[in-house]
Protein backbone atom coordinates (compact mmCIF):
# COMPACT_ATOMS: atom_id res chain seq x y z
CA MET A 1 174.11 140.60 57.56
CA MET A 2 171.85 139.86 60.37
CA LEU A 3 168.42 138.93 59.80
CA ARG A 4 165.77 140.21 62.06
CA PRO A 5 163.34 137.62 62.83
CA PRO A 6 159.61 138.49 62.03
CA SER A 7 157.89 140.05 64.88
CA ARG A 8 155.27 137.84 66.66
CA ASP A 9 152.16 138.74 68.54
CA ALA A 10 151.33 137.72 72.11
CA ASP A 11 150.21 134.33 71.10
CA GLY A 12 153.21 133.48 69.07
CA GLY A 13 151.81 134.16 65.71
CA PRO A 14 153.29 136.56 63.02
CA ALA A 15 152.49 140.12 63.58
CA CYS A 16 150.70 140.59 60.30
CA SER A 17 147.03 141.02 59.67
CA ASP A 18 146.67 137.62 58.03
CA GLY A 19 148.33 135.93 60.85
CA ARG A 20 146.35 137.57 63.49
CA THR A 21 143.12 137.03 61.61
CA SER A 22 144.01 133.20 61.29
CA ARG A 23 144.81 132.86 64.94
CA SER A 24 141.74 134.73 65.99
CA ASN A 25 139.56 132.63 63.83
CA GLY A 26 141.25 129.41 65.20
CA ARG A 27 140.75 130.53 68.86
CA ARG A 28 137.13 131.44 68.09
CA ALA A 29 136.36 128.10 66.46
CA ARG A 30 137.80 126.22 69.44
CA ARG A 31 135.64 128.21 71.86
CA VAL A 32 132.47 127.56 69.78
CA VAL A 33 133.32 123.85 69.78
CA ALA A 34 133.92 123.78 73.58
CA LEU A 35 130.76 125.76 74.16
CA GLY A 36 128.68 123.41 71.94
CA MET A 37 130.01 120.32 73.79
CA VAL A 38 129.07 121.91 77.13
CA ILE A 39 125.63 122.65 75.94
CA GLY A 40 125.26 119.07 74.60
CA LEU A 41 126.29 117.55 77.82
CA GLY A 42 123.98 119.82 79.68
CA LEU A 43 120.95 118.67 77.51
CA LEU A 44 122.02 115.00 78.00
CA GLY A 45 122.11 115.52 81.80
CA ALA A 46 118.73 117.22 81.77
CA GLY A 47 117.19 114.46 79.80
CA ALA A 48 118.66 111.88 82.18
CA GLU A 49 117.39 113.69 85.12
CA GLY A 50 113.94 113.88 83.49
CA ALA A 51 114.16 110.01 82.80
CA VAL A 52 114.98 109.34 86.57
CA ALA A 53 112.10 111.58 87.59
CA ALA A 54 109.69 109.73 85.29
CA ALA A 55 110.90 106.35 86.71
CA ASN A 56 110.10 107.54 90.31
CA PRO A 57 106.68 109.06 90.36
CA THR A 58 105.73 111.32 93.30
CA PRO A 59 102.23 111.34 94.82
CA SER A 60 99.89 114.07 93.55
CA ALA A 61 97.69 113.87 96.66
CA VAL A 62 98.09 112.35 100.21
CA GLY A 63 95.69 112.56 103.19
CA TRP A 64 94.50 110.85 106.29
CA TRP A 65 91.35 111.35 108.61
CA TRP A 66 90.13 109.88 111.82
CA ARG A 67 86.72 109.58 113.49
CA ALA A 68 87.43 111.82 116.40
CA GLN A 69 88.07 114.81 114.10
CA SER A 70 84.47 115.81 113.40
CA LYS A 71 82.94 118.91 111.90
CA SER A 72 80.67 119.04 114.90
CA LEU A 73 83.50 120.07 117.17
CA PRO A 74 84.03 123.71 117.93
CA GLU A 75 87.79 123.62 117.38
CA LYS A 76 90.09 121.06 115.46
CA LEU A 77 91.69 118.42 117.65
CA PRO A 78 95.42 117.94 117.75
CA PRO A 79 96.63 114.79 115.85
CA PRO A 80 97.52 111.54 117.90
CA PRO A 81 100.92 111.85 119.45
CA THR A 82 102.71 109.80 116.67
CA ALA A 83 101.11 111.46 113.76
CA GLY A 84 103.31 114.60 113.28
CA PRO A 85 103.57 116.65 110.18
CA GLY A 86 104.66 114.70 107.12
CA THR A 87 103.07 111.37 108.16
CA ILE A 88 99.84 109.41 107.54
CA TYR A 89 97.85 107.45 110.34
CA VAL A 90 95.83 104.37 110.03
CA ALA A 91 94.11 102.84 113.11
CA GLY A 92 91.66 99.96 113.57
CA SER A 93 89.61 98.28 116.14
CA PRO A 94 87.29 95.13 116.25
CA ALA A 95 84.30 97.41 115.58
CA ALA A 96 85.64 99.34 112.49
CA ALA A 97 88.34 101.67 111.15
CA TYR A 98 89.24 104.49 113.54
CA ALA A 99 91.50 106.24 110.96
CA TYR A 100 92.61 105.63 107.34
CA ALA A 101 94.65 107.34 104.72
CA ALA A 102 94.71 107.72 101.00
CA VAL A 103 97.41 108.31 98.21
CA ARG A 104 96.96 109.33 94.63
CA TYR A 105 99.73 108.83 91.89
CA VAL A 106 99.54 110.03 88.23
CA LEU A 107 101.85 107.78 86.30
CA ALA A 108 103.42 108.13 82.72
CA GLY A 109 101.75 106.48 79.78
CA ASP A 110 104.24 103.71 79.67
CA GLN A 111 104.31 102.63 83.38
CA ILE A 112 102.35 99.69 84.98
CA ASP A 113 102.66 97.33 87.88
CA PRO A 114 103.02 99.95 90.60
CA VAL A 115 104.10 98.74 94.16
CA LEU A 116 103.74 101.09 97.06
CA THR A 117 106.05 100.93 100.04
CA LEU A 118 104.95 102.60 103.26
CA ARG A 119 107.63 103.15 106.00
CA VAL A 120 106.68 102.88 109.66
CA THR A 121 107.98 105.93 111.64
CA PRO A 122 109.98 105.48 114.85
CA ASN A 123 107.55 104.51 117.56
CA GLY A 124 104.69 104.36 114.97
CA ASP A 125 103.84 100.79 115.38
CA GLN A 126 101.34 99.92 118.07
CA GLY A 127 99.94 96.30 117.48
CA GLY A 128 101.08 96.21 113.85
CA ALA A 129 102.21 92.62 114.14
CA SER A 130 98.48 91.44 114.32
CA ALA A 131 97.14 94.30 111.94
CA VAL A 132 95.25 93.54 108.80
CA LEU A 133 95.80 96.29 106.19
CA LEU A 134 94.52 96.72 102.73
CA ALA A 135 94.73 99.07 99.86
CA CYS A 136 91.44 99.63 98.04
CA THR A 137 90.39 101.98 95.21
CA THR A 138 88.70 105.03 96.47
CA GLY A 139 85.04 105.52 95.87
CA SER A 140 84.74 109.31 95.95
CA ALA A 141 86.63 112.42 95.27
CA TRP A 142 89.20 113.72 98.07
CA SER A 143 91.86 116.27 98.67
CA SER A 144 95.17 116.25 100.39
CA GLU A 145 94.73 116.72 104.11
CA GLU A 146 96.62 115.90 107.31
CA ASN A 147 94.52 115.36 110.54
CA GLY A 148 91.50 115.56 108.41
CA GLN A 149 87.86 115.66 109.57
CA TRP A 150 86.07 112.27 109.26
CA GLU A 151 83.36 113.78 107.04
CA ASP A 152 85.86 114.59 104.36
CA ALA A 153 87.32 111.12 104.09
CA PRO A 154 86.68 109.40 100.82
CA THR A 155 84.46 106.30 100.66
CA VAL A 156 86.05 103.02 99.73
CA ASP A 157 85.37 100.42 96.94
CA LEU A 158 85.10 97.27 98.91
CA ALA A 159 85.29 94.92 95.92
CA HIS A 160 88.68 96.21 94.56
CA CYS A 161 91.26 95.65 97.24
CA VAL A 162 94.70 94.15 97.80
CA ASP A 163 96.41 92.97 101.06
CA GLY A 164 99.28 94.79 102.46
CA VAL A 165 102.32 92.66 103.34
CA ARG A 166 104.28 93.57 106.47
CA SER A 167 107.97 93.17 106.55
CA ALA A 168 109.55 90.73 108.89
CA ASP A 169 110.97 93.49 111.03
CA GLY A 170 107.87 95.58 110.90
CA THR A 171 109.54 98.61 109.52
CA HIS A 172 107.42 98.86 106.34
CA TRP A 173 104.38 97.59 104.55
CA ARG A 174 104.22 96.81 100.76
CA PHE A 175 101.22 96.94 98.58
CA THR A 176 101.10 95.47 94.98
CA LEU A 177 98.68 97.83 93.20
CA GLY A 178 98.80 96.58 89.59
CA LYS A 179 95.28 95.35 89.67
CA LEU A 180 94.06 98.61 91.14
CA GLN A 181 95.63 100.86 88.39
CA LEU A 182 92.98 102.84 86.57
CA ASN A 183 94.63 103.84 83.16
CA ASN A 184 97.48 106.05 84.28
CA ARG A 185 96.17 106.68 87.86
CA VAL A 186 96.63 104.89 91.24
CA ASP A 187 94.11 106.30 93.72
CA VAL A 188 93.85 104.04 96.78
CA ALA A 189 92.74 104.23 100.44
CA ILE A 190 94.89 102.50 102.99
CA VAL A 191 92.35 100.90 105.42
CA PRO A 192 92.16 98.50 108.36
CA GLY A 193 90.71 95.09 107.56
CA GLY A 194 88.96 92.28 109.19
CA LEU A 195 90.28 88.64 109.05
CA PRO A 196 89.08 86.03 106.58
CA GLY A 197 85.81 84.32 107.56
CA GLY A 198 84.32 87.37 108.91
CA GLN A 199 86.45 87.63 112.14
CA ALA A 200 86.72 91.25 113.36
CA GLY A 201 90.09 93.03 112.97
CA SER A 202 92.60 93.64 115.88
CA THR A 203 93.21 96.93 117.67
CA PHE A 204 96.25 98.66 116.18
CA GLN A 205 97.77 102.11 115.42
CA LEU A 206 100.22 102.62 112.59
CA THR A 207 101.94 105.89 111.57
CA PHE A 208 103.92 105.99 108.22
CA ASP A 209 106.04 108.48 106.57
CA ALA A 210 104.07 110.29 103.96
CA PRO A 211 105.07 108.50 100.63
CA ALA A 212 107.61 110.40 98.53
CA ALA A 213 109.39 109.82 95.22
CA GLY A 214 110.82 106.29 95.13
CA ASP A 215 108.17 104.80 97.45
CA LEU A 216 106.24 103.79 94.45
CA THR A 217 107.98 101.64 91.89
CA VAL A 218 106.84 100.90 88.31
CA SER A 219 107.59 98.71 85.38
CA PRO A 220 107.41 99.70 81.73
CA GLY A 221 104.40 98.65 79.78
CA VAL A 222 101.00 100.04 78.56
CA PRO A 223 98.13 100.11 81.04
CA SER A 224 94.81 98.72 79.93
CA SER A 225 91.84 100.98 79.63
CA VAL A 226 89.12 100.78 82.29
CA ALA A 227 85.40 101.10 81.68
CA PRO A 228 82.75 102.30 84.25
CA PRO A 229 81.90 100.04 87.20
CA PRO A 230 78.63 98.16 86.99
CA SER A 231 77.03 100.12 89.82
CA ILE A 232 77.59 103.47 91.26
CA GLY A 233 75.98 104.86 94.44
CA GLY A 234 76.15 101.92 96.73
CA PRO A 235 78.50 99.23 97.76
CA ALA A 236 80.48 97.84 94.69
CA THR A 237 78.84 94.71 93.25
CA THR A 238 80.17 91.95 91.04
CA ALA A 239 77.13 91.70 88.73
CA VAL A 240 77.96 91.13 85.12
CA ALA A 241 75.81 92.83 82.37
CA PRO A 242 74.20 90.60 79.88
CA VAL A 243 75.93 90.15 76.57
CA PRO A 244 73.93 91.28 73.48
CA THR A 245 73.75 88.68 70.61
CA ASP A 246 73.86 91.19 67.94
CA GLY A 247 77.02 93.04 68.77
CA PRO A 248 80.30 93.12 70.82
CA ALA A 249 80.30 92.53 74.54
CA PRO A 250 80.20 95.70 76.59
CA ALA A 251 83.32 96.73 78.47
CA LEU A 252 82.95 96.20 82.18
CA PHE A 253 84.96 97.35 85.15
CA THR A 254 87.98 95.13 86.12
CA PRO A 255 86.90 91.93 88.05
CA PRO A 256 87.02 92.15 91.79
CA VAL A 257 90.25 91.69 93.51
CA MET A 258 89.84 88.88 96.07
CA ALA A 259 91.93 90.01 98.91
CA LYS A 260 92.32 87.63 101.89
CA GLY A 261 91.27 90.34 104.37
CA THR A 262 88.03 92.38 104.12
CA PRO A 263 87.95 96.20 104.64
CA SER A 264 86.70 97.07 108.16
CA LEU A 265 84.83 100.39 107.64
CA PRO A 266 81.39 101.93 108.86
CA THR A 267 78.67 101.68 106.27
CA ASP A 268 78.82 105.40 105.45
CA LYS A 269 82.35 104.94 104.14
CA GLU A 270 81.62 102.09 101.79
CA GLY A 271 80.85 102.03 98.13
CA LEU A 272 81.09 104.20 94.95
CA THR A 273 79.83 107.55 94.17
CA PRO A 274 79.73 109.54 90.78
CA THR A 275 82.97 111.13 91.88
CA ALA A 276 84.88 107.90 92.12
CA PRO A 277 88.08 107.73 90.26
CA ALA A 278 86.75 104.79 88.16
CA ALA A 279 83.70 106.90 87.10
CA GLN A 280 85.82 109.88 86.23
CA GLU A 281 88.36 107.90 84.25
CA ALA A 282 85.54 106.51 82.14
CA ALA A 283 83.50 109.71 81.86
CA PRO A 284 83.80 111.62 78.58
CA SER A 285 85.98 114.70 78.70
CA PHE A 286 85.28 117.93 76.72
CA ALA A 287 88.65 119.46 77.58
CA PRO A 288 91.63 118.83 75.43
CA ALA A 289 93.44 115.73 76.47
CA SER A 290 96.77 116.63 77.97
CA THR A 291 99.92 114.84 76.73
CA PRO A 292 102.91 114.04 78.66
CA PRO A 293 105.85 116.46 77.88
CA GLU A 294 108.30 115.01 75.49
CA ALA A 295 111.13 117.42 76.51
CA PRO A 296 113.45 114.77 78.19
CA ALA A 297 113.71 112.46 74.95
CA ALA A 298 113.96 115.56 72.71
CA GLN A 299 116.67 117.02 74.95
CA ARG A 300 118.57 113.85 74.74
CA TRP A 301 118.56 113.63 70.95
CA VAL A 302 119.53 117.21 70.64
CA GLY A 303 122.30 116.88 73.02
CA ILE A 304 123.66 113.77 71.18
CA LEU A 305 123.56 115.64 67.78
CA ILE A 306 125.31 118.65 69.29
CA LEU A 307 128.07 116.40 70.72
CA LEU A 308 128.51 114.53 67.47
CA GLY A 309 128.64 117.81 65.40
CA CYS A 310 131.15 119.42 67.74
CA GLY A 311 133.20 116.22 67.81
CA GLY A 312 133.34 116.23 63.93
CA ALA A 313 134.24 119.92 63.84
CA ALA A 314 136.92 119.56 66.31
CA ALA A 315 138.49 116.60 64.68
CA TYR A 316 138.42 118.35 61.35
CA GLY A 317 139.81 121.63 62.68
CA PHE A 318 142.74 120.22 64.71
CA ARG A 319 143.89 118.06 61.74
CA GLN A 320 144.23 121.16 59.34
CA PRO A 321 147.76 122.73 59.06
CA GLU A 322 147.99 126.03 61.09
CA ASP A 323 148.25 129.11 58.98
CA THR A 324 151.15 131.24 60.41
CA GLY A 325 150.80 134.25 58.17
CA GLY A 326 152.20 133.38 54.70
CA PRO A 327 155.71 132.78 53.16
CA VAL A 328 158.86 133.41 55.13
CA GLY A 329 162.50 133.44 54.19
CA LEU A 330 164.67 135.31 51.56
CA GLY A 331 165.22 134.48 47.96
CA ARG A 332 165.53 130.97 47.06
CA PHE A 333 164.95 130.07 50.75
CA ARG A 334 161.52 131.76 50.73
CA ALA A 335 158.80 128.99 51.24
CA GLU A 336 155.30 128.58 52.79
CA ARG A 337 155.35 127.77 56.56
CA THR A 338 153.02 124.94 57.43
CA GLY A 339 154.02 124.34 61.06
CA PRO A 340 154.96 126.24 64.18
CA PRO A 341 157.77 128.78 63.93
CA PRO A 342 161.20 127.40 64.84
CA SER A 343 162.66 128.67 68.21
CA LEU A 344 165.09 131.46 68.08
CA THR A 345 167.17 130.23 71.03
């Protein structure tokens, strides 16, 4: 007597309801595991992207202004030939600055020691080898603007500056801004300077690519808090407030940074105002303090947990014997099948 082999479905399983259910459940479990692993990897990638973005701050504001561009003109002048869109322009003369720029960054709460690199555009260096360039904290509020009017340029805190360092090939300038960081902000003007000893600065014109992500590098750490400057409304001073004998010493603004050069600016662009970043950082705020988003770190942990869970489920599932639909065979040969069906050929 010929025995007809049990019929099988399209996937090779027994054509019975229990077998089809088992096969279907197995395929569904594998799909769920695969989907979970894809989601976990996606969350890990998003978290890594967020970490990279946090490590490379982008400027929140960039601007530059020059003396020829005045609100008294009937029409706005075109920019100098080298100062096209997406650039910043700084120019000096023995008398005083002819043009200067400003940049603002908002750092994460665990970032310190910012270093800014400004890259000179092609044909953007005229007299740069003898130029003196400084970064100083801004002394008034300002907004992003290209080819801006002189009246809108921020004032400059002369007492808090650092020297710019020109590369040997003249392709970029570097500014170490750690001493100018105000809590989690870097808000500085890039200005022409005079030489040590009161000598007048040289004549130069420098055009830079506007800073972008990666042009400001930072290190991990916790920034120190900043208190109000000793004087607001005129040129910054180095006066120290008296220390009371019956209480703790009052917090003061950071000590002046002694740059080798001195800012070369007209008097109307010198000093601090009530809108200076230092004053705003120290002023009380009645709005709820914003906190940096925690999404990248949370995404990484969720992604890791999902991957671990899916890996465990996959290992458990694939170690179980495959159910092929119940016992097979006749009489004393009838037994449970725990492996794949034998080939009929």
